C-alpha atoms as a PDB file:
ATOM      1  CA  MET A   1       4.525  47.134   7.327  1.00  0.00           C
ATOM      2  CA  SER A   2       7.166  45.805   9.697  1.00  0.00           C
ATOM      3  CA  TYR A   3       9.177  42.656   9.108  1.00  0.00           C
ATOM      4  CA  LEU A   4       7.424  40.869  11.977  1.00  0.00           C
ATOM      5  CA  GLU A   5       4.004  41.607  10.492  1.00  0.00           C
ATOM      6  CA  GLU A   6       4.984  39.724   7.311  1.00  0.00           C
ATOM      7  CA  ILE A   7       5.935  36.520   9.126  1.00  0.00           C
ATOM      8  CA  GLN A   8       3.531  33.617   8.782  1.00  0.00           C
ATOM      9  CA  VAL A   9       3.679  30.561  11.006  1.00  0.00           C
ATOM     10  CA  LYS A  10       2.756  27.204   9.432  1.00  0.00           C
ATOM     11  CA  ASN A  11       2.840  23.695  10.837  1.00  0.00           C
ATOM     12  CA  LEU A  12       4.949  20.819   9.591  1.00  0.00           C
ATOM     13  CA  ASP A  13       4.599  18.440  12.542  1.00  0.00           C
ATOM     14  CA  HIS A  14       5.830  14.945  11.621  1.00  0.00           C
ATOM     15  CA  LEU A  15       4.579  15.365   8.044  1.00  0.00           C
ATOM     16  CA  GLY A  16       7.917  16.731   6.850  1.00  0.00           C
ATOM     17  CA  ILE A  17       9.411  13.277   7.452  1.00  0.00           C
ATOM     18  CA  VAL A  18       6.537  11.660   5.544  1.00  0.00           C
ATOM     19  CA  ALA A  19       6.952  14.053   2.598  1.00  0.00           C
ATOM     20  CA  GLY A  20      10.715  13.522   2.565  1.00  0.00           C
ATOM     21  CA  LEU A  21      10.350   9.749   2.435  1.00  0.00           C
ATOM     22  CA  ILE A  22       7.787   9.995  -0.387  1.00  0.00           C
ATOM     23  CA  ASP A  23      10.272  12.132  -2.330  1.00  0.00           C
ATOM     24  CA  GLU A  24      13.149   9.743  -1.626  1.00  0.00           C
ATOM     25  CA  ILE A  25      11.146   6.775  -2.950  1.00  0.00           C
ATOM     26  CA  GLY A  26      10.045   8.801  -5.972  1.00  0.00           C
ATOM     27  CA  ILE A  27       6.316   8.082  -5.697  1.00  0.00           C
ATOM     28  CA  VAL A  28       5.277  11.346  -7.375  1.00  0.00           C
ATOM     29  CA  LYS A  29       7.486  10.620 -10.387  1.00  0.00           C
ATOM     30  CA  ILE A  30       6.206   7.043 -10.661  1.00  0.00           C
ATOM     31  CA  ILE A  31       2.558   8.179 -10.617  1.00  0.00           C
ATOM     32  CA  ASN A  32       3.162  10.953 -13.136  1.00  0.00           C
ATOM     33  CA  ASN A  33       5.029   8.607 -15.487  1.00  0.00           C
ATOM     34  CA  LYS A  34       2.151   6.116 -15.408  1.00  0.00           C
ATOM     35  CA  LEU A  35      -0.799   8.519 -15.580  1.00  0.00           C
ATOM     36  CA  GLY A  36       0.820  11.324 -17.546  1.00  0.00           C
ATOM     37  CA  ILE A  37       0.880  15.083 -16.963  1.00  0.00           C
ATOM     38  CA  ASP A  38      -1.578  17.552 -18.455  1.00  0.00           C
ATOM     39  CA  VAL A  39       0.135  20.928 -18.992  1.00  0.00           C
ATOM     40  CA  ARG A  40      -3.179  22.647 -18.229  1.00  0.00           C
ATOM     41  CA  GLU A  41      -3.493  21.223 -14.703  1.00  0.00           C
ATOM     42  CA  LYS A  42      -2.358  23.197 -11.673  1.00  0.00           C
ATOM     43  CA  ILE A  43      -1.326  20.107  -9.731  1.00  0.00           C
ATOM     44  CA  SER A  44      -0.195  16.732 -11.071  1.00  0.00           C
ATOM     45  CA  ALA A  45      -1.710  13.353 -10.224  1.00  0.00           C
ATOM     46  CA  GLY A  46       1.496  12.342  -8.449  1.00  0.00           C
ATOM     47  CA  THR A  47       1.354  15.382  -6.178  1.00  0.00           C
ATOM     48  CA  VAL A  48      -2.305  14.673  -5.412  1.00  0.00           C
ATOM     49  CA  VAL A  49      -1.359  11.129  -4.375  1.00  0.00           C
ATOM     50  CA  LYS A  50       1.398  12.577  -2.206  1.00  0.00           C
ATOM     51  CA  SER A  51      -1.134  14.871  -0.516  1.00  0.00           C
ATOM     52  CA  ILE A  52      -3.427  11.878   0.121  1.00  0.00           C
ATOM     53  CA  LEU A  53      -0.571   9.938   1.737  1.00  0.00           C
ATOM     54  CA  ILE A  54       0.351  12.917   3.919  1.00  0.00           C
ATOM     55  CA  ASN A  55      -3.286  13.388   4.899  1.00  0.00           C
ATOM     56  CA  GLY A  56      -3.679   9.689   5.692  1.00  0.00           C
ATOM     57  CA  LEU A  57      -0.638   9.759   7.963  1.00  0.00           C
ATOM     58  CA  GLY A  58      -1.835  12.983   9.567  1.00  0.00           C
ATOM     59  CA  PHE A  59      -4.261  11.000  11.739  1.00  0.00           C
ATOM     60  CA  VAL A  60      -7.390  12.924  10.774  1.00  0.00           C
ATOM     61  CA  SER A  61     -10.774  11.767   9.534  1.00  0.00           C
ATOM     62  CA  ARG A  62     -12.775  14.193   7.410  1.00  0.00           C
ATOM     63  CA  PRO A  63     -15.120  13.957   4.422  1.00  0.00           C
ATOM     64  CA  LEU A  64     -13.464  14.309   1.023  1.00  0.00           C
ATOM     65  CA  TYR A  65     -14.982  17.740   0.367  1.00  0.00           C
ATOM     66  CA  LEU A  66     -13.118  19.047   3.446  1.00  0.00           C
ATOM     67  CA  PHE A  67      -9.776  17.590   2.295  1.00  0.00           C
ATOM     68  CA  SER A  68      -8.240  20.969   1.439  1.00  0.00           C
ATOM     69  CA  GLN A  69      -8.854  22.261   4.959  1.00  0.00           C
ATOM     70  CA  PHE A  70      -6.225  19.848   6.259  1.00  0.00           C
ATOM     71  CA  PHE A  71      -3.523  21.897   4.510  1.00  0.00           C
ATOM     72  CA  GLN A  72      -4.814  25.348   5.484  1.00  0.00           C
ATOM     73  CA  ASP A  73      -2.468  25.604   8.492  1.00  0.00           C
ATOM     74  CA  LYS A  74       0.325  23.494   6.974  1.00  0.00           C
ATOM     75  CA  ALA A  75       3.456  24.621   5.149  1.00  0.00           C
ATOM     76  CA  ILE A  76       1.999  23.245   1.942  1.00  0.00           C
ATOM     77  CA  GLU A  77       4.752  24.529  -0.368  1.00  0.00           C
ATOM     78  CA  LYS A  78       7.347  22.742   1.754  1.00  0.00           C
ATOM     79  CA  LEU A  79       5.294  19.547   1.731  1.00  0.00           C
ATOM     80  CA  LEU A  80       3.984  19.474  -1.843  1.00  0.00           C
ATOM     81  CA  GLY A  81       5.998  21.979  -3.860  1.00  0.00           C
ATOM     82  CA  GLU A  82       6.174  25.632  -4.796  1.00  0.00           C
ATOM     83  CA  ARG A  83       3.044  27.520  -5.855  1.00  0.00           C
ATOM     84  CA  ILE A  84       0.765  24.705  -4.601  1.00  0.00           C
ATOM     85  CA  LYS A  85      -2.322  26.003  -2.784  1.00  0.00           C
ATOM     86  CA  PRO A  86      -4.819  24.113  -0.597  1.00  0.00           C
ATOM     87  CA  ASP A  87      -7.667  25.040  -2.964  1.00  0.00           C
ATOM     88  CA  TYR A  88      -6.056  22.924  -5.696  1.00  0.00           C
ATOM     89  CA  LEU A  89      -6.823  19.826  -3.609  1.00  0.00           C
ATOM     90  CA  ASN A  90     -10.590  19.901  -4.048  1.00  0.00           C
ATOM     91  CA  ASP A  91     -12.794  16.811  -4.095  1.00  0.00           C
ATOM     92  CA  ASP A  92     -13.308  17.027  -7.886  1.00  0.00           C
ATOM     93  CA  LYS A  93      -9.571  16.870  -8.597  1.00  0.00           C
ATOM     94  CA  ILE A  94      -9.001  14.081  -6.079  1.00  0.00           C
ATOM     95  CA  GLY A  95     -11.917  12.118  -7.526  1.00  0.00           C
ATOM     96  CA  ARG A  96     -10.531  12.370 -11.058  1.00  0.00           C
ATOM     97  CA  VAL A  97      -7.104  11.172  -9.918  1.00  0.00           C
ATOM     98  CA  MET A  98      -8.672   8.246  -8.057  1.00  0.00           C
ATOM     99  CA  ASP A  99     -10.563   7.271 -11.216  1.00  0.00           C
ATOM    100  CA  GLU A 100      -7.343   7.403 -13.255  1.00  0.00           C
ATOM    101  CA  LEU A 101      -5.520   5.268 -10.693  1.00  0.00           C
ATOM    102  CA  TYR A 102      -8.292   2.685 -10.766  1.00  0.00           C
ATOM    103  CA  LYS A 103      -8.348   2.547 -14.565  1.00  0.00           C
ATOM    104  CA  TYR A 104      -4.589   2.072 -14.734  1.00  0.00           C
ATOM    105  CA  GLY A 105      -4.599  -0.605 -12.012  1.00  0.00           C
ATOM    106  CA  LEU A 106      -3.840   0.032  -8.365  1.00  0.00           C
ATOM    107  CA  ASN A 107      -1.974  -3.243  -7.960  1.00  0.00           C
ATOM    108  CA  ASP A 108       0.272  -2.437 -10.933  1.00  0.00           C
ATOM    109  CA  ILE A 109       1.160   0.991  -9.540  1.00  0.00           C
ATOM    110  CA  PHE A 110       1.717  -0.461  -6.072  1.00  0.00           C
ATOM    111  CA  ILE A 111       4.147  -3.033  -7.487  1.00  0.00           C
ATOM    112  CA  GLU A 112       6.048  -0.267  -9.310  1.00  0.00           C
ATOM    113  CA  VAL A 113       6.489   1.581  -6.014  1.00  0.00           C
ATOM    114  CA  VAL A 114       7.467  -1.627  -4.194  1.00  0.00           C
ATOM    115  CA  LEU A 115      10.144  -2.479  -6.755  1.00  0.00           C
ATOM    116  CA  GLU A 116      11.609   1.002  -6.375  1.00  0.00           C
ATOM    117  CA  VAL A 117      11.643   0.646  -2.570  1.00  0.00           C
ATOM    118  CA  ILE A 118      13.344  -2.764  -2.805  1.00  0.00           C
ATOM    119  CA  LYS A 119      16.006  -1.357  -5.125  1.00  0.00           C
ATOM    120  CA  LYS A 120      16.623   1.883  -3.242  1.00  0.00           C
ATOM    121  CA  PHE A 121      16.694   0.469   0.296  1.00  0.00           C
ATOM    122  CA  LYS A 122      18.091  -2.978  -0.604  1.00  0.00           C
ATOM    123  CA  ILE A 123      15.282  -4.926   1.069  1.00  0.00           C
ATOM    124  CA  ASP A 124      16.070  -8.587   1.753  1.00  0.00           C
ATOM    125  CA  LEU A 125      13.318 -10.752   0.226  1.00  0.00           C
ATOM    126  CA  LYS A 126      14.468 -14.080   1.628  1.00  0.00           C
ATOM    127  CA  TYR A 127      11.486 -14.307   3.984  1.00  0.00           C
ATOM    128  CA  SER A 128       8.009 -12.790   3.572  1.00  0.00           C
ATOM    129  CA  HIS A 129       4.711 -13.013   5.444  1.00  0.00           C
ATOM    130  CA  LEU A 130       1.157 -13.291   4.063  1.00  0.00           C
ATOM    131  CA  ASP A 131      -1.979 -12.597   6.094  1.00  0.00           C
ATOM    132  CA  SER A 132      -5.381 -10.942   5.815  1.00  0.00           C
ATOM    133  CA  THR A 133      -7.529  -8.627   7.867  1.00  0.00           C
ATOM    134  CA  SER A 134     -10.991  -7.088   7.571  1.00  0.00           C
ATOM    135  CA  PHE A 135     -12.509  -3.620   7.881  1.00  0.00           C
ATOM    136  CA  HIS A 136     -16.153  -3.230   8.831  1.00  0.00           C
ATOM    137  CA  LEU A 137     -18.292  -0.602   7.112  1.00  0.00           C
ATOM    138  CA  ASP A 138     -21.645   1.015   7.845  1.00  0.00           C
ATOM    139  CA  GLY A 139     -24.463   1.072   5.317  1.00  0.00           C
ATOM    140  CA  GLU A 140     -26.542  -1.434   3.376  1.00  0.00           C
ATOM    141  CA  TYR A 141     -24.343  -1.845   0.257  1.00  0.00           C
ATOM    142  CA  LYS A 142     -27.009  -3.561  -1.832  1.00  0.00           C
ATOM    143  CA  ARG A 143     -24.794  -4.150  -4.883  1.00  0.00           C
ATOM    144  CA  GLU A 144     -25.060  -7.807  -5.895  1.00  0.00           C
ATOM    145  CA  GLU A 145     -22.383 -10.039  -7.354  1.00  0.00           C
ATOM    146  CA  ASP A 146     -22.350 -10.659 -11.106  1.00  0.00           C
ATOM    147  CA  LYS A 147     -22.987 -14.399 -11.315  1.00  0.00           C
ATOM    148  CA  GLU A 148     -21.478 -14.629 -14.790  1.00  0.00           C
ATOM    149  CA  LYS A 149     -17.977 -13.617 -13.712  1.00  0.00           C
ATOM    150  CA  GLN A 150     -15.431 -16.389 -13.764  1.00  0.00           C
ATOM    151  CA  GLU A 151     -13.886 -17.461 -10.465  1.00  0.00           C
ATOM    152  CA  GLU A 152     -10.388 -16.451 -11.549  1.00  0.00           C
ATOM    153  CA  GLU A 153     -11.569 -12.950 -12.436  1.00  0.00           C
ATOM    154  CA  LYS A 154     -13.411 -12.582  -9.151  1.00  0.00           C
ATOM    155  CA  ILE A 155     -10.239 -13.241  -7.187  1.00  0.00           C
ATOM    156  CA  ILE A 156      -7.428 -11.623  -9.142  1.00  0.00           C
ATOM    157  CA  LYS A 157      -8.817  -9.084 -11.624  1.00  0.00           C
ATOM    158  CA  GLU A 158      -9.358  -5.586 -10.233  1.00  0.00           C
ATOM    159  CA  ARG A 159     -13.035  -4.712 -10.005  1.00  0.00           C
ATOM    160  CA  PRO A 160     -15.389  -3.042  -7.513  1.00  0.00           C
ATOM    161  CA  ILE A 161     -15.326  -5.246  -4.422  1.00  0.00           C
ATOM    162  CA  LEU A 162     -18.462  -6.613  -2.771  1.00  0.00           C
ATOM    163  CA  ILE A 163     -19.213  -5.293   0.702  1.00  0.00           C
ATOM    164  CA  LYS A 164     -20.656  -8.306   2.499  1.00  0.00           C
ATOM    165  CA  LYS A 165     -20.834  -9.961   5.871  1.00  0.00           C
ATOM    166  CA  GLY A 166     -18.083 -12.475   6.542  1.00  0.00           C
ATOM    167  CA  TYR A 167     -15.558 -13.608   9.106  1.00  0.00           C
ATOM    168  CA  SER A 168     -14.798 -10.436  11.069  1.00  0.00           C
ATOM    169  CA  ARG A 169     -11.254  -9.922  12.326  1.00  0.00           C
ATOM    170  CA  ASP A 170     -12.221  -6.680  14.048  1.00  0.00           C
ATOM    171  CA  HIS A 171     -15.031  -8.269  16.067  1.00  0.00           C
ATOM    172  CA  ARG A 172     -18.010  -6.739  14.254  1.00  0.00           C
ATOM    173  CA  PRO A 173     -19.766  -9.714  12.646  1.00  0.00           C
ATOM    174  CA  ASP A 174     -23.022  -7.732  12.619  1.00  0.00           C
ATOM    175  CA  LEU A 175     -21.683  -5.341   9.946  1.00  0.00           C
ATOM    176  CA  LYS A 176     -20.680  -5.804   6.333  1.00  0.00           C
ATOM    177  CA  GLN A 177     -16.988  -5.588   5.532  1.00  0.00           C
ATOM    178  CA  CYS A 178     -14.154  -5.789   3.025  1.00  0.00           C
ATOM    179  CA  VAL A 179     -10.973  -7.862   3.272  1.00  0.00           C
ATOM    180  CA  LEU A 180      -7.342  -6.818   2.829  1.00  0.00           C
ATOM    181  CA  ASP A 181      -4.639  -9.352   1.882  1.00  0.00           C
ATOM    182  CA  LEU A 182      -1.098  -8.159   2.532  1.00  0.00           C
ATOM    183  CA  ILE A 183       2.378  -9.611   1.986  1.00  0.00           C
ATOM    184  CA  THR A 184       5.234  -7.975   3.886  1.00  0.00           C
ATOM    185  CA  SER A 185       8.977  -8.553   4.068  1.00  0.00           C
ATOM    186  CA  GLN A 186      10.599  -9.858   7.208  1.00  0.00           C
ATOM    187  CA  ASP A 187      13.292  -7.267   6.595  1.00  0.00           C
ATOM    188  CA  GLY A 188      11.698  -4.052   7.833  1.00  0.00           C
ATOM    189  CA  ASP A 189       8.054  -5.175   7.477  1.00  0.00           C
ATOM    190  CA  ILE A 190       7.861  -3.513   4.053  1.00  0.00           C
ATOM    191  CA  PRO A 191       4.523  -4.055   2.235  1.00  0.00           C
ATOM    192  CA  LEU A 192       5.313  -6.026  -0.929  1.00  0.00           C
ATOM    193  CA  PHE A 193       1.876  -6.962  -2.251  1.00  0.00           C
ATOM    194  CA  VAL A 194      -1.630  -5.745  -1.410  1.00  0.00           C
ATOM    195  CA  ARG A 195      -5.069  -6.842  -2.540  1.00  0.00           C
ATOM    196  CA  VAL A 196      -8.547  -5.738  -1.447  1.00  0.00           C
ATOM    197  CA  GLY A 197     -11.248  -8.407  -1.608  1.00  0.00           C
ATOM    198  CA  ASP A 198     -14.915  -9.135  -1.006  1.00  0.00           C
ATOM    199  CA  GLY A 199     -16.138  -9.186   2.569  1.00  0.00           C
ATOM    200  CA  ASN A 200     -17.214 -12.829   2.477  1.00  0.00           C
ATOM    201  CA  GLU A 201     -14.200 -14.402   0.817  1.00  0.00           C
ATOM    202  CA  SER A 202     -12.114 -17.084   2.496  1.00  0.00           C
ATOM    203  CA  ASP A 203      -8.340 -17.146   2.905  1.00  0.00           C
ATOM    204  CA  LYS A 204      -8.324 -20.752   1.747  1.00  0.00           C
ATOM    205  CA  ALA A 205      -9.984 -19.773  -1.534  1.00  0.00           C
ATOM    206  CA  VAL A 206      -7.676 -16.895  -2.461  1.00  0.00           C
ATOM    207  CA  PHE A 207      -4.275 -17.254  -0.774  1.00  0.00           C
ATOM    208  CA  GLY A 208      -2.988 -19.683  -3.382  1.00  0.00           C
ATOM    209  CA  LYS A 209      -3.816 -17.309  -6.234  1.00  0.00           C
ATOM    210  CA  VAL A 210      -2.446 -14.329  -4.301  1.00  0.00           C
ATOM    211  CA  LEU A 211       0.855 -16.161  -3.935  1.00  0.00           C
ATOM    212  CA  VAL A 212       0.927 -17.033  -7.637  1.00  0.00           C
ATOM    213  CA  GLU A 213       0.401 -13.348  -8.553  1.00  0.00           C
ATOM    214  CA  PHE A 214       3.057 -12.277  -6.052  1.00  0.00           C
ATOM    215  CA  LYS A 215       5.562 -14.740  -7.507  1.00  0.00           C
ATOM    216  CA  LYS A 216       5.001 -13.274 -10.985  1.00  0.00           C
ATOM    217  CA  GLN A 217       6.142  -9.868  -9.738  1.00  0.00           C
ATOM    218  CA  ILE A 218       8.783 -10.529  -7.078  1.00  0.00           C
ATOM    219  CA  LYS A 219      11.279 -13.332  -6.581  1.00  0.00           C
ATOM    220  CA  PHE A 220      11.234 -14.682  -3.036  1.00  0.00           C
ATOM    221  CA  ASP A 221      12.723 -17.606  -1.155  1.00  0.00           C
ATOM    222  CA  SER A 222      10.279 -18.419   1.651  1.00  0.00           C
ATOM    223  CA  ILE A 223       6.900 -17.207   2.816  1.00  0.00           C
ATOM    224  CA  MET A 224       5.012 -17.513   6.089  1.00  0.00           C
ATOM    225  CA  GLY A 225       1.246 -17.591   6.486  1.00  0.00           C
ATOM    226  CA  CYS A 226      -1.709 -19.000   8.407  1.00  0.00           C
ATOM    227  CA  GLU A 227      -3.436 -22.285   7.570  1.00  0.00           C
ATOM    228  CA  GLY A 228      -5.384 -20.540   4.811  1.00  0.00           C
ATOM    229  CA  LEU A 229      -2.185 -20.693   2.735  1.00  0.00           C
ATOM    230  CA  TYR A 230      -1.519 -24.413   2.932  1.00  0.00           C
ATOM    231  CA  MET A 231      -5.089 -25.685   3.329  1.00  0.00           C
ATOM    232  CA  GLY A 232      -6.371 -23.775   0.305  1.00  0.00           C
ATOM    233  CA  LYS A 233      -7.882 -25.313  -2.798  1.00  0.00           C
ATOM    234  CA  LYS A 234      -5.233 -24.076  -5.208  1.00  0.00           C
ATOM    235  CA  ILE A 235      -1.892 -24.043  -3.465  1.00  0.00           C
ATOM    236  CA  PRO A 236       1.018 -23.267  -5.803  1.00  0.00           C
ATOM    237  CA  THR A 237       3.383 -26.186  -6.426  1.00  0.00           C
ATOM    238  CA  TYR A 238       6.739 -25.840  -4.705  1.00  0.00           C
ATOM    239  CA  PRO A 239       9.539 -28.363  -4.309  1.00  0.00           C
ATOM    240  CA  THR A 240       9.649 -28.104  -0.508  1.00  0.00           C
ATOM    241  CA  PHE A 241       7.439 -27.270   2.437  1.00  0.00           C
ATOM    242  CA  LYS A 242       8.193 -26.571   6.052  1.00  0.00           C
ATOM    243  CA  MET A 243       5.352 -26.099   8.491  1.00  0.00           C
ATOM    244  CA  ASP A 244       5.687 -24.058  11.661  1.00  0.00           C
ATOM    245  CA  ASN A 245       2.330 -24.043  13.381  1.00  0.00           C
ATOM    246  CA  GLY A 246       2.794 -26.094  16.539  1.00  0.00           C
ATOM    247  CA  SER A 247       1.295 -29.164  14.864  1.00  0.00           C
ATOM    248  CA  SER A 248       2.339 -32.776  14.425  1.00  0.00           C
ATOM    249  CA  MET A 249       2.574 -33.497  10.721  1.00  0.00           C
ATOM    250  CA  ALA A 250       3.952 -35.651   7.945  1.00  0.00           C
ATOM    251  CA  LEU A 251       5.066 -34.487   4.523  1.00  0.00           C
ATOM    252  CA  LYS A 252       4.696 -36.788   1.551  1.00  0.00           C
ATOM    253  CA  LYS A 253       6.042 -36.061  -1.910  1.00  0.00           C
ATOM    254  CA  GLN A 254       3.968 -36.627  -5.006  1.00  0.00           C
ATOM    255  CA  ARG A 255       5.308 -36.188  -8.527  1.00  0.00           C
ATOM    256  CA  ILE A 256       3.437 -34.392 -11.287  1.00  0.00           C
ATOM    257  CA  GLY A 257       5.695 -34.473 -14.290  1.00  0.00           C
ATOM    258  CA  PRO A 258       9.494 -34.514 -14.072  1.00  0.00           C
ATOM    259  CA  ASN A 259      10.125 -31.436 -11.916  1.00  0.00           C
ATOM    260  CA  LEU A 260       6.911 -30.548 -10.095  1.00  0.00           C
ATOM    261  CA  GLY A 261       6.015 -31.616  -6.579  1.00  0.00           C
ATOM    262  CA  VAL A 262       2.937 -31.205  -4.403  1.00  0.00           C
ATOM    263  CA  GLY A 263       2.986 -31.466  -0.613  1.00  0.00           C
ATOM    264  CA  GLU A 264       0.350 -33.612   1.023  1.00  0.00           C
ATOM    265  CA  LEU A 265      -0.169 -32.512   4.613  1.00  0.00           C
ATOM    266  CA  LYS A 266      -1.620 -34.549   7.474  1.00  0.00           C
ATOM    267  CA  MET A 267      -1.881 -32.847  10.828  1.00  0.00           C
ATOM    268  CA  LYS A 268      -3.769 -32.268  14.048  1.00  0.00           C
ATOM    269  CA  TYR A 269      -3.908 -28.593  14.986  1.00  0.00           C
ATOM    270  CA  ARG A 270      -2.745 -27.577  18.411  1.00  0.00           C
ATOM    271  CA  LYS A 271      -1.939 -23.972  17.611  1.00  0.00           C
ATOM    272  CA  ARG A 272      -2.352 -21.634  14.668  1.00  0.00           C
ATOM    273  CA  ARG A 273       0.932 -19.977  13.834  1.00  0.00           C
ATOM    274  CA  GLY A 274       2.133 -20.254  10.297  1.00  0.00           C
ATOM    275  CA  LEU A 275       4.085 -21.902   7.599  1.00  0.00           C
ATOM    276  CA  ILE A 276       7.458 -21.549   5.971  1.00  0.00           C
ATOM    277  CA  LEU A 277       7.996 -22.977   2.515  1.00  0.00           C
ATOM    278  CA  LYS A 278      11.419 -24.574   2.683  1.00  0.00           C
ATOM    279  CA  VAL A 279      12.807 -28.005   3.792  1.00  0.00           C
ATOM    280  CA  PRO A 280      13.366 -31.427   2.314  1.00  0.00           C
ATOM    281  CA  TRP A 281      10.446 -33.590   1.258  1.00  0.00           C
ATOM    282  CA  GLU A 282       9.370 -36.792   2.995  1.00  0.00           C
ATOM    283  CA  LYS A 283      10.659 -35.598   6.323  1.00  0.00           C
ATOM    284  CA  LYS A 284       8.392 -36.477   9.239  1.00  0.00           C
ATOM    285  CA  PHE A 285       8.751 -34.415  12.367  1.00  0.00           C
ATOM    286  CA  SER A 286       6.837 -32.933  15.280  1.00  0.00           C
ATOM    287  CA  LEU A 287       7.114 -29.378  16.521  1.00  0.00           C
END
């Protein structure tokens, strides 16, 4: 057999950059440390997650049982590691890893990755942005909500979400959907906090709690958001508010205890833009 007959050509495309960035962040190590490694397995949970990220950024859409086909023409050992074969990435293995991730807590793992990104790339957290979007889905999704669940659990605690009709951001109000809440940094638009919610939930009902959970994990100075953040039922207490939404407004300070303040907002909307939490109290102004 000649030397040329032994040469095999495999694709990397842009996925080499994706794999390199995953390795630089250390996502595989983080996942393996949290979920553990079974010496009997051919491929670790962290490597499976890496393959899912590469597949997701490969701009393809295939059923899970065809997942391994994506890597058939790829340089899989360069992307995922030596002695890794496409057949290892079958739907059974991926399903088991997904179950383990869910049991551990997707939000907890996401925060671990975020903290590593902040540390490694020195992300400036002075300003952040909170907003939501929706994704429509096909199918009936007849699962009903458990009426006995407490409101706090329904919003914060991880559980199977409810696919329901609601306010559609992608212009398909005829279909059921789920909602994604996302906080990103102004510095580089880095995702800092993510939460998937029921299709019929309202920003005003959940943004306050989302911000409280975010503040438990990451220290930040200011945050921007739509009116759902400052018109919600349970807005976190902060010493200062600054609104930036093209509205005339007045800020009035109220005291609750020695060091806590709550902003009372009065405004007429002209435009929907956002809010920044930061300026002196009792300052009346018009934008």
